[in-house]
Amino acid sequence: MYIYDLLDYDSPRQGPTSDPTAPSDGDAPQGPTTATGGPQVALNKIFHHIANNTVPESIRHALCSINYTILEKANGKFRPVGTDSIFNKVVNRALLEQQQPHIAHLLQASPELAVGVKDGISAAVGMAFGELQACESTPGWTMLSLDFKSAFNYTDRARLHEIVADKVPGLLRAFERHYARPTTHCIVDKFFKVIDIDVGQGIVQGNELSPFFFALYSCEVLGLLDATTDYRCKVIKYLDDIVLMGNNKLGV
């Protein structure tokens, strides 16, 4: 398929890197390949770029260029698929069988991760692969690939607030204690930008940082967080359903 050719395109790296000592594309962990060798190798390469925040501009632009050439049917109507949707659909479909062993333990540990998404199993597979690939590519990083639709309906809001307050002190300027009040806000400094978050009814989906908070919650539920780490986040603009979390020593 055309998208595989785009993903397999080898162009010079651009943008900041998380770890200057990270292995090159050729050293990225390789999964099973097809008879022709292309798709799985290409997907592993692109995941390696994502784990190091070095997605080549040519690939980003190529993916964006097919936004309006692929349609999917939703609620009886056809609509253009966004870049992140195309990417995640291809990745999850290709890795569904490859990452089968990771599904059971993830769903058993935190069943809410698969609730409220079109295909919960694929979401869990994507998350499992991201976790595995990112940790192998850049030690200390955890990556989650999730569809956050309705995710916060199934989380313990009070526990989420505790985790956020405990795990991301480097991001928080202020965090009010009385979360029950609708007027309560916490102010978050993200890349020198101050964002107000209404926490009266819990941190809700739809906010700019909600994927990060949900990923943080999910990692804690799964026992993946280091108690001594100050967690921060990166969101790749063109793949905005991908959340990278990691130790701030990696240059976050």
C-alpha atoms as a PDB file:
ATOM      1  CA  MET A   1       0.000   0.000   0.000  1.00  0.00           C
ATOM      2  CA  TYR A   2       1.010   3.581  -0.586  1.00  0.00           C
ATOM      3  CA  ILE A   3       1.200   4.390   3.106  1.00  0.00           C
ATOM      4  CA  TYR A   4       3.780   1.657   3.667  1.00  0.00           C
ATOM      5  CA  ASP A   5       6.004   3.273   1.045  1.00  0.00           C
ATOM      6  CA  LEU A   6       5.705   6.561   2.916  1.00  0.00           C
ATOM      7  CA  LEU A   7       6.604   5.008   6.226  1.00  0.00           C
ATOM      8  CA  ASP A   8       9.576   3.214   4.726  1.00  0.00           C
ATOM      9  CA  TYR A   9      10.971   6.391   3.179  1.00  0.00           C
ATOM     10  CA  ASP A  10      14.416   6.997   4.640  1.00  0.00           C
ATOM     11  CA  SER A  11      15.070  10.718   4.985  1.00  0.00           C
ATOM     12  CA  PRO A  12      17.473  12.787   7.115  1.00  0.00           C
ATOM     13  CA  ARG A  13      16.403  13.273  10.697  1.00  0.00           C
ATOM     14  CA  GLN A  14      15.046  16.621  11.712  1.00  0.00           C
ATOM     15  CA  GLY A  15      13.918  18.163  14.970  1.00  0.00           C
ATOM     16  CA  PRO A  16      15.205  17.757  18.548  1.00  0.00           C
ATOM     17  CA  THR A  17      16.242  14.377  19.859  1.00  0.00           C
ATOM     18  CA  SER A  18      15.572  12.968  23.299  1.00  0.00           C
ATOM     19  CA  ASP A  19      18.797  11.039  23.442  1.00  0.00           C
ATOM     20  CA  PRO A  20      21.768  11.831  21.198  1.00  0.00           C
ATOM     21  CA  THR A  21      23.193   8.370  21.886  1.00  0.00           C
ATOM     22  CA  ALA A  22      20.069   6.545  20.712  1.00  0.00           C
ATOM     23  CA  PRO A  23      20.666   3.852  18.069  1.00  0.00           C
ATOM     24  CA  SER A  24      20.137   4.601  14.400  1.00  0.00           C
ATOM     25  CA  ASP A  25      17.205   3.300  12.354  1.00  0.00           C
ATOM     26  CA  GLY A  26      19.154   0.208  11.480  1.00  0.00           C
ATOM     27  CA  ASP A  27      19.504  -0.642  15.163  1.00  0.00           C
ATOM     28  CA  ALA A  28      15.800  -0.248  15.918  1.00  0.00           C
ATOM     29  CA  PRO A  29      14.177  -3.460  17.207  1.00  0.00           C
ATOM     30  CA  GLN A  30      12.794  -5.322  14.228  1.00  0.00           C
ATOM     31  CA  GLY A  31       9.539  -7.282  14.234  1.00  0.00           C
ATOM     32  CA  PRO A  32       8.359  -9.951  11.809  1.00  0.00           C
ATOM     33  CA  THR A  33       8.405  -8.870   8.179  1.00  0.00           C
ATOM     34  CA  THR A  34       6.222  -9.802   5.257  1.00  0.00           C
ATOM     35  CA  ALA A  35       7.474 -11.870   2.347  1.00  0.00           C
ATOM     36  CA  THR A  36       8.631  -8.673   0.672  1.00  0.00           C
ATOM     37  CA  GLY A  37      10.148  -7.362   3.886  1.00  0.00           C
ATOM     38  CA  GLY A  38       8.631  -3.885   3.846  1.00  0.00           C
ATOM     39  CA  PRO A  39       5.657  -3.048   6.075  1.00  0.00           C
ATOM     40  CA  GLN A  40       6.778  -4.354   9.470  1.00  0.00           C
ATOM     41  CA  VAL A  41      10.293  -2.971   9.072  1.00  0.00           C
ATOM     42  CA  ALA A  42       8.818   0.374   8.067  1.00  0.00           C
ATOM     43  CA  LEU A  43       6.494   0.450  11.074  1.00  0.00           C
ATOM     44  CA  ASN A  44       9.329  -0.389  13.426  1.00  0.00           C
ATOM     45  CA  LYS A  45      11.411   2.398  11.923  1.00  0.00           C
ATOM     46  CA  ILE A  46       8.679   4.967  12.361  1.00  0.00           C
ATOM     47  CA  PHE A  47       8.103   3.879  15.958  1.00  0.00           C
ATOM     48  CA  HIS A  48      11.807   4.282  16.576  1.00  0.00           C
ATOM     49  CA  HIS A  49      11.585   7.849  15.269  1.00  0.00           C
ATOM     50  CA  ILE A  50       8.563   8.530  17.464  1.00  0.00           C
ATOM     51  CA  ALA A  51      10.283   7.183  20.562  1.00  0.00           C
ATOM     52  CA  ASN A  52      13.114   9.632  19.930  1.00  0.00           C
ATOM     53  CA  ASN A  53      10.938  12.526  18.743  1.00  0.00           C
ATOM     54  CA  THR A  54      12.663  12.491  15.351  1.00  0.00           C
ATOM     55  CA  VAL A  55       9.822  11.868  12.924  1.00  0.00           C
ATOM     56  CA  PRO A  56      11.241  13.077   9.573  1.00  0.00           C
ATOM     57  CA  GLU A  57       9.525  16.127   8.106  1.00  0.00           C
ATOM     58  CA  SER A  58       9.108  14.348   4.781  1.00  0.00           C
ATOM     59  CA  ILE A  59       7.073  11.614   6.423  1.00  0.00           C
ATOM     60  CA  ARG A  60       4.979  14.091   8.377  1.00  0.00           C
ATOM     61  CA  HIS A  61       4.164  16.042   5.239  1.00  0.00           C
ATOM     62  CA  ALA A  62       3.494  12.900   3.234  1.00  0.00           C
ATOM     63  CA  LEU A  63       1.072  11.629   5.851  1.00  0.00           C
ATOM     64  CA  CYS A  64      -0.647  14.990   5.970  1.00  0.00           C
ATOM     65  CA  SER A  65      -0.966  15.006   2.186  1.00  0.00           C
ATOM     66  CA  ILE A  66      -3.237  11.960   2.233  1.00  0.00           C
ATOM     67  CA  ASN A  67      -5.612  13.341   4.859  1.00  0.00           C
ATOM     68  CA  TYR A  68      -8.269  14.014   2.253  1.00  0.00           C
ATOM     69  CA  THR A  69      -7.666  11.022   0.010  1.00  0.00           C
ATOM     70  CA  ILE A  70      -8.762   8.320   2.431  1.00  0.00           C
ATOM     71  CA  LEU A  71     -12.329   8.119   3.717  1.00  0.00           C
ATOM     72  CA  GLU A  72     -13.976   6.030   6.397  1.00  0.00           C
ATOM     73  CA  LYS A  73     -17.642   5.507   7.084  1.00  0.00           C
ATOM     74  CA  ALA A  74     -18.896   6.844  10.426  1.00  0.00           C
ATOM     75  CA  ASN A  75     -22.542   7.165  11.458  1.00  0.00           C
ATOM     76  CA  GLY A  76     -23.618   6.363   7.938  1.00  0.00           C
ATOM     77  CA  LYS A  77     -21.508   9.104   6.363  1.00  0.00           C
ATOM     78  CA  PHE A  78     -18.089   9.143   4.769  1.00  0.00           C
ATOM     79  CA  ARG A  79     -15.539  11.545   6.208  1.00  0.00           C
ATOM     80  CA  PRO A  80     -11.826  12.280   5.711  1.00  0.00           C
ATOM     81  CA  VAL A  81      -9.531  10.440   8.087  1.00  0.00           C
ATOM     82  CA  GLY A  82      -7.024  12.600   9.975  1.00  0.00           C
ATOM     83  CA  THR A  83      -3.313  11.898  10.003  1.00  0.00           C
ATOM     84  CA  ASP A  84      -3.361  10.365  13.473  1.00  0.00           C
ATOM     85  CA  SER A  85      -6.308   8.145  12.549  1.00  0.00           C
ATOM     86  CA  ILE A  86      -4.582   6.820   9.441  1.00  0.00           C
ATOM     87  CA  PHE A  87      -1.390   6.162  11.352  1.00  0.00           C
ATOM     88  CA  ASN A  88      -2.991   4.432  14.324  1.00  0.00           C
ATOM     89  CA  LYS A  89      -5.303   2.302  12.196  1.00  0.00           C
ATOM     90  CA  VAL A  90      -2.406   1.008  10.102  1.00  0.00           C
ATOM     91  CA  VAL A  91      -0.164   0.430  13.108  1.00  0.00           C
ATOM     92  CA  ASN A  92      -2.782  -1.346  15.205  1.00  0.00           C
ATOM     93  CA  ARG A  93      -3.889  -3.529  12.315  1.00  0.00           C
ATOM     94  CA  ALA A  94      -0.333  -4.559  11.444  1.00  0.00           C
ATOM     95  CA  LEU A  95       0.654  -5.285  15.041  1.00  0.00           C
ATOM     96  CA  LEU A  96      -2.508  -6.997  16.256  1.00  0.00           C
ATOM     97  CA  GLU A  97      -1.142 -10.530  15.977  1.00  0.00           C
ATOM     98  CA  GLN A  98       2.506  -9.622  16.511  1.00  0.00           C
ATOM     99  CA  GLN A  99       1.854  -8.222  19.989  1.00  0.00           C
ATOM    100  CA  GLN A 100      -0.779 -10.750  21.105  1.00  0.00           C
ATOM    101  CA  PRO A 101       1.100 -11.792  24.304  1.00  0.00           C
ATOM    102  CA  HIS A 102       0.864  -8.258  25.706  1.00  0.00           C
ATOM    103  CA  ILE A 103      -2.899  -7.897  25.471  1.00  0.00           C
ATOM    104  CA  ALA A 104      -4.028 -10.126  28.326  1.00  0.00           C
ATOM    105  CA  HIS A 105      -1.874  -8.616  31.054  1.00  0.00           C
ATOM    106  CA  LEU A 106      -2.743  -5.049  30.061  1.00  0.00           C
ATOM    107  CA  LEU A 107      -6.480  -5.624  30.001  1.00  0.00           C
ATOM    108  CA  GLN A 108      -6.395  -7.583  33.244  1.00  0.00           C
ATOM    109  CA  ALA A 109      -4.388  -4.891  35.030  1.00  0.00           C
ATOM    110  CA  SER A 110      -6.482  -1.983  33.812  1.00  0.00           C
ATOM    111  CA  PRO A 111      -9.663  -2.909  31.921  1.00  0.00           C
ATOM    112  CA  GLU A 112     -10.741   0.732  31.633  1.00  0.00           C
ATOM    113  CA  LEU A 113      -7.975   1.279  29.087  1.00  0.00           C
ATOM    114  CA  ALA A 114     -10.057  -0.512  26.477  1.00  0.00           C
ATOM    115  CA  VAL A 115     -13.419   1.053  27.334  1.00  0.00           C
ATOM    116  CA  GLY A 116     -14.987   3.662  25.100  1.00  0.00           C
ATOM    117  CA  VAL A 117     -12.855   3.072  22.033  1.00  0.00           C
ATOM    118  CA  LYS A 118     -13.893   1.729  18.648  1.00  0.00           C
ATOM    119  CA  ASP A 119     -11.589  -1.245  19.000  1.00  0.00           C
ATOM    120  CA  GLY A 120     -10.377  -1.737  22.558  1.00  0.00           C
ATOM    121  CA  ILE A 121      -8.146  -4.666  21.704  1.00  0.00           C
ATOM    122  CA  SER A 122      -6.325  -2.687  19.035  1.00  0.00           C
ATOM    123  CA  ALA A 123      -5.860   0.175  21.479  1.00  0.00           C
ATOM    124  CA  ALA A 124      -4.347  -2.196  24.013  1.00  0.00           C
ATOM    125  CA  VAL A 125      -2.084  -3.701  21.373  1.00  0.00           C
ATOM    126  CA  GLY A 126      -0.920  -0.281  20.274  1.00  0.00           C
ATOM    127  CA  MET A 127      -0.233   0.664  23.874  1.00  0.00           C
ATOM    128  CA  ALA A 128       1.642  -2.574  24.552  1.00  0.00           C
ATOM    129  CA  PHE A 129       3.783  -2.218  21.441  1.00  0.00           C
ATOM    130  CA  GLY A 130       4.545   1.396  22.235  1.00  0.00           C
ATOM    131  CA  GLU A 131       5.607   0.488  25.739  1.00  0.00           C
ATOM    132  CA  LEU A 132       7.859  -2.282  24.471  1.00  0.00           C
ATOM    133  CA  GLN A 133       9.328  -0.413  21.519  1.00  0.00           C
ATOM    134  CA  ALA A 134       9.966   2.856  23.346  1.00  0.00           C
ATOM    135  CA  CYS A 135      11.669   1.140  26.254  1.00  0.00           C
ATOM    136  CA  GLU A 136      13.907  -0.833  23.906  1.00  0.00           C
ATOM    137  CA  SER A 137      14.734   2.195  21.777  1.00  0.00           C
ATOM    138  CA  THR A 138      15.284   4.714  24.552  1.00  0.00           C
ATOM    139  CA  PRO A 139      15.607   3.269  28.075  1.00  0.00           C
ATOM    140  CA  GLY A 140      13.469   5.083  30.612  1.00  0.00           C
ATOM    141  CA  TRP A 141      10.647   6.018  28.259  1.00  0.00           C
ATOM    142  CA  THR A 142       7.122   4.706  28.137  1.00  0.00           C
ATOM    143  CA  MET A 143       4.900   5.420  25.169  1.00  0.00           C
ATOM    144  CA  LEU A 144       1.149   4.917  25.046  1.00  0.00           C
ATOM    145  CA  SER A 145      -0.964   4.978  21.911  1.00  0.00           C
ATOM    146  CA  LEU A 146      -4.602   5.311  22.940  1.00  0.00           C
ATOM    147  CA  ASP A 147      -7.976   6.529  21.806  1.00  0.00           C
ATOM    148  CA  PHE A 148      -9.130   8.698  24.685  1.00  0.00           C
ATOM    149  CA  LYS A 149     -12.827   8.768  23.776  1.00  0.00           C
ATOM    150  CA  SER A 150     -14.807   8.623  27.047  1.00  0.00           C
ATOM    151  CA  ALA A 151     -11.727   7.322  28.851  1.00  0.00           C
ATOM    152  CA  PHE A 152     -12.192   9.613  31.832  1.00  0.00           C
ATOM    153  CA  ASN A 153     -15.651   8.177  32.489  1.00  0.00           C
ATOM    154  CA  TYR A 154     -13.926   5.075  33.800  1.00  0.00           C
ATOM    155  CA  THR A 155     -11.143   6.527  35.899  1.00  0.00           C
ATOM    156  CA  ASP A 156     -10.951   7.246  39.600  1.00  0.00           C
ATOM    157  CA  ARG A 157     -10.835  11.051  39.453  1.00  0.00           C
ATOM    158  CA  ALA A 158      -9.593  11.449  43.028  1.00  0.00           C
ATOM    159  CA  ARG A 159      -6.789   8.972  42.373  1.00  0.00           C
ATOM    160  CA  LEU A 160      -5.936  10.789  39.156  1.00  0.00           C
ATOM    161  CA  HIS A 161      -5.514  14.052  41.053  1.00  0.00           C
ATOM    162  CA  GLU A 162      -3.249  12.353  43.573  1.00  0.00           C
ATOM    163  CA  ILE A 163      -1.081  10.909  40.819  1.00  0.00           C
ATOM    164  CA  VAL A 164      -0.825  14.214  38.972  1.00  0.00           C
ATOM    165  CA  ALA A 165       0.078  16.105  42.134  1.00  0.00           C
ATOM    166  CA  ASP A 166       2.637  13.472  43.103  1.00  0.00           C
ATOM    167  CA  LYS A 167       4.238  12.660  39.754  1.00  0.00           C
ATOM    168  CA  VAL A 168       4.450  15.949  37.873  1.00  0.00           C
ATOM    169  CA  PRO A 169       5.698  18.607  40.307  1.00  0.00           C
ATOM    170  CA  GLY A 170       7.846  20.064  37.530  1.00  0.00           C
ATOM    171  CA  LEU A 171       4.705  20.920  35.559  1.00  0.00           C
ATOM    172  CA  LEU A 172       2.498  22.264  38.309  1.00  0.00           C
ATOM    173  CA  ARG A 173       2.475  25.930  39.267  1.00  0.00           C
ATOM    174  CA  ALA A 174      -0.453  25.464  41.629  1.00  0.00           C
ATOM    175  CA  PHE A 175      -2.832  22.641  42.463  1.00  0.00           C
ATOM    176  CA  GLU A 176      -5.902  23.399  44.568  1.00  0.00           C
ATOM    177  CA  ARG A 177      -6.885  20.934  47.282  1.00  0.00           C
ATOM    178  CA  HIS A 178     -10.664  21.301  47.156  1.00  0.00           C
ATOM    179  CA  TYR A 179     -11.379  19.499  43.918  1.00  0.00           C
ATOM    180  CA  ALA A 180     -15.148  19.355  44.501  1.00  0.00           C
ATOM    181  CA  ARG A 181     -15.595  23.072  43.804  1.00  0.00           C
ATOM    182  CA  PRO A 182     -16.505  23.777  40.152  1.00  0.00           C
ATOM    183  CA  THR A 183     -14.415  26.950  40.211  1.00  0.00           C
ATOM    184  CA  THR A 184     -11.220  25.176  41.197  1.00  0.00           C
ATOM    185  CA  HIS A 185      -8.386  25.294  38.693  1.00  0.00           C
ATOM    186  CA  CYS A 186      -4.866  24.050  38.548  1.00  0.00           C
ATOM    187  CA  ILE A 187      -2.426  26.034  36.458  1.00  0.00           C
ATOM    188  CA  VAL A 188       0.030  24.050  34.408  1.00  0.00           C
ATOM    189  CA  ASP A 189       3.167  25.380  32.810  1.00  0.00           C
ATOM    190  CA  LYS A 190       3.817  23.387  29.644  1.00  0.00           C
ATOM    191  CA  PHE A 191       6.683  24.574  27.484  1.00  0.00           C
ATOM    192  CA  PHE A 192       6.340  28.116  28.897  1.00  0.00           C
ATOM    193  CA  LYS A 193       2.611  28.131  28.208  1.00  0.00           C
ATOM    194  CA  VAL A 194       0.162  28.450  31.095  1.00  0.00           C
ATOM    195  CA  ILE A 195      -3.003  26.391  30.744  1.00  0.00           C
ATOM    196  CA  ASP A 196      -6.029  26.559  33.028  1.00  0.00           C
ATOM    197  CA  ILE A 197      -7.627  23.203  33.760  1.00  0.00           C
ATOM    198  CA  ASP A 198     -11.059  22.955  35.357  1.00  0.00           C
ATOM    199  CA  VAL A 199     -10.788  20.239  37.978  1.00  0.00           C
ATOM    200  CA  GLY A 200     -14.153  20.828  39.602  1.00  0.00           C
ATOM    201  CA  GLN A 201     -15.533  17.596  38.186  1.00  0.00           C
ATOM    202  CA  GLY A 202     -12.171  15.966  37.705  1.00  0.00           C
ATOM    203  CA  ILE A 203      -9.659  16.587  34.959  1.00  0.00           C
ATOM    204  CA  VAL A 204     -11.753  16.085  31.866  1.00  0.00           C
ATOM    205  CA  GLN A 205     -11.192  14.873  28.356  1.00  0.00           C
ATOM    206  CA  GLY A 206     -10.812  17.505  25.702  1.00  0.00           C
ATOM    207  CA  ASN A 207      -8.214  19.584  27.486  1.00  0.00           C
ATOM    208  CA  GLU A 208      -4.851  19.991  25.794  1.00  0.00           C
ATOM    209  CA  LEU A 209      -3.115  17.918  28.469  1.00  0.00           C
ATOM    210  CA  SER A 210      -5.817  15.288  29.033  1.00  0.00           C
ATOM    211  CA  PRO A 211      -3.985  12.569  27.034  1.00  0.00           C
ATOM    212  CA  PHE A 212      -0.927  13.080  29.201  1.00  0.00           C
ATOM    213  CA  PHE A 213      -2.914  12.901  32.423  1.00  0.00           C
ATOM    214  CA  PHE A 214      -4.741   9.773  31.323  1.00  0.00           C
ATOM    215  CA  ALA A 215      -1.483   8.159  30.226  1.00  0.00           C
ATOM    216  CA  LEU A 216      -0.020   9.046  33.600  1.00  0.00           C
ATOM    217  CA  TYR A 217      -2.993   7.470  35.350  1.00  0.00           C
ATOM    218  CA  SER A 218      -2.758   4.383  33.158  1.00  0.00           C
ATOM    219  CA  CYS A 219       0.947   3.933  33.822  1.00  0.00           C
ATOM    220  CA  GLU A 220       0.383   4.184  37.552  1.00  0.00           C
ATOM    221  CA  VAL A 221      -2.390   1.588  37.396  1.00  0.00           C
ATOM    222  CA  LEU A 222      -0.076  -0.708  35.466  1.00  0.00           C
ATOM    223  CA  GLY A 223       2.775  -0.131  37.904  1.00  0.00           C
ATOM    224  CA  LEU A 224       5.060   1.424  35.304  1.00  0.00           C
ATOM    225  CA  LEU A 225       5.939   4.675  37.062  1.00  0.00           C
ATOM    226  CA  ASP A 226       9.169   5.314  38.905  1.00  0.00           C
ATOM    227  CA  ALA A 227       8.321   6.851  42.272  1.00  0.00           C
ATOM    228  CA  THR A 228      11.331   9.175  42.107  1.00  0.00           C
ATOM    229  CA  THR A 229      10.789  10.498  38.598  1.00  0.00           C
ATOM    230  CA  ASP A 230       9.430  13.930  37.721  1.00  0.00           C
ATOM    231  CA  TYR A 231       7.296  13.141  34.680  1.00  0.00           C
ATOM    232  CA  ARG A 232       6.705  15.528  31.827  1.00  0.00           C
ATOM    233  CA  CYS A 233       5.108  15.104  28.449  1.00  0.00           C
ATOM    234  CA  LYS A 234       5.664  15.508  24.746  1.00  0.00           C
ATOM    235  CA  VAL A 235       2.867  15.495  22.198  1.00  0.00           C
ATOM    236  CA  ILE A 236       3.870  15.122  18.561  1.00  0.00           C
ATOM    237  CA  LYS A 237       1.793  17.618  16.594  1.00  0.00           C
ATOM    238  CA  TYR A 238       1.145  15.472  13.558  1.00  0.00           C
ATOM    239  CA  LEU A 239       0.419  12.335  15.577  1.00  0.00           C
ATOM    240  CA  ASP A 240      -1.533  13.844  18.426  1.00  0.00           C
ATOM    241  CA  ASP A 241      -2.856  10.567  19.804  1.00  0.00           C
ATOM    242  CA  ILE A 242       0.695   9.542  20.667  1.00  0.00           C
ATOM    243  CA  VAL A 243       1.891  10.528  24.126  1.00  0.00           C
ATOM    244  CA  LEU A 244       5.507  10.203  25.200  1.00  0.00           C
ATOM    245  CA  MET A 245       6.335  10.111  28.877  1.00  0.00           C
ATOM    246  CA  GLY A 246       9.762   9.929  30.410  1.00  0.00           C
ATOM    247  CA  ASN A 247      12.449  11.007  32.783  1.00  0.00           C
ATOM    248  CA  ASN A 248      13.308  14.701  32.483  1.00  0.00           C
ATOM    249  CA  LYS A 249      16.962  13.718  32.242  1.00  0.00           C
ATOM    250  CA  LEU A 250      16.204  12.709  28.667  1.00  0.00           C
ATOM    251  CA  GLY A 251      15.778  16.340  27.718  1.00  0.00           C
ATOM    252  CA  VAL A 252      12.035  16.736  28.040  1.00  0.00           C
END
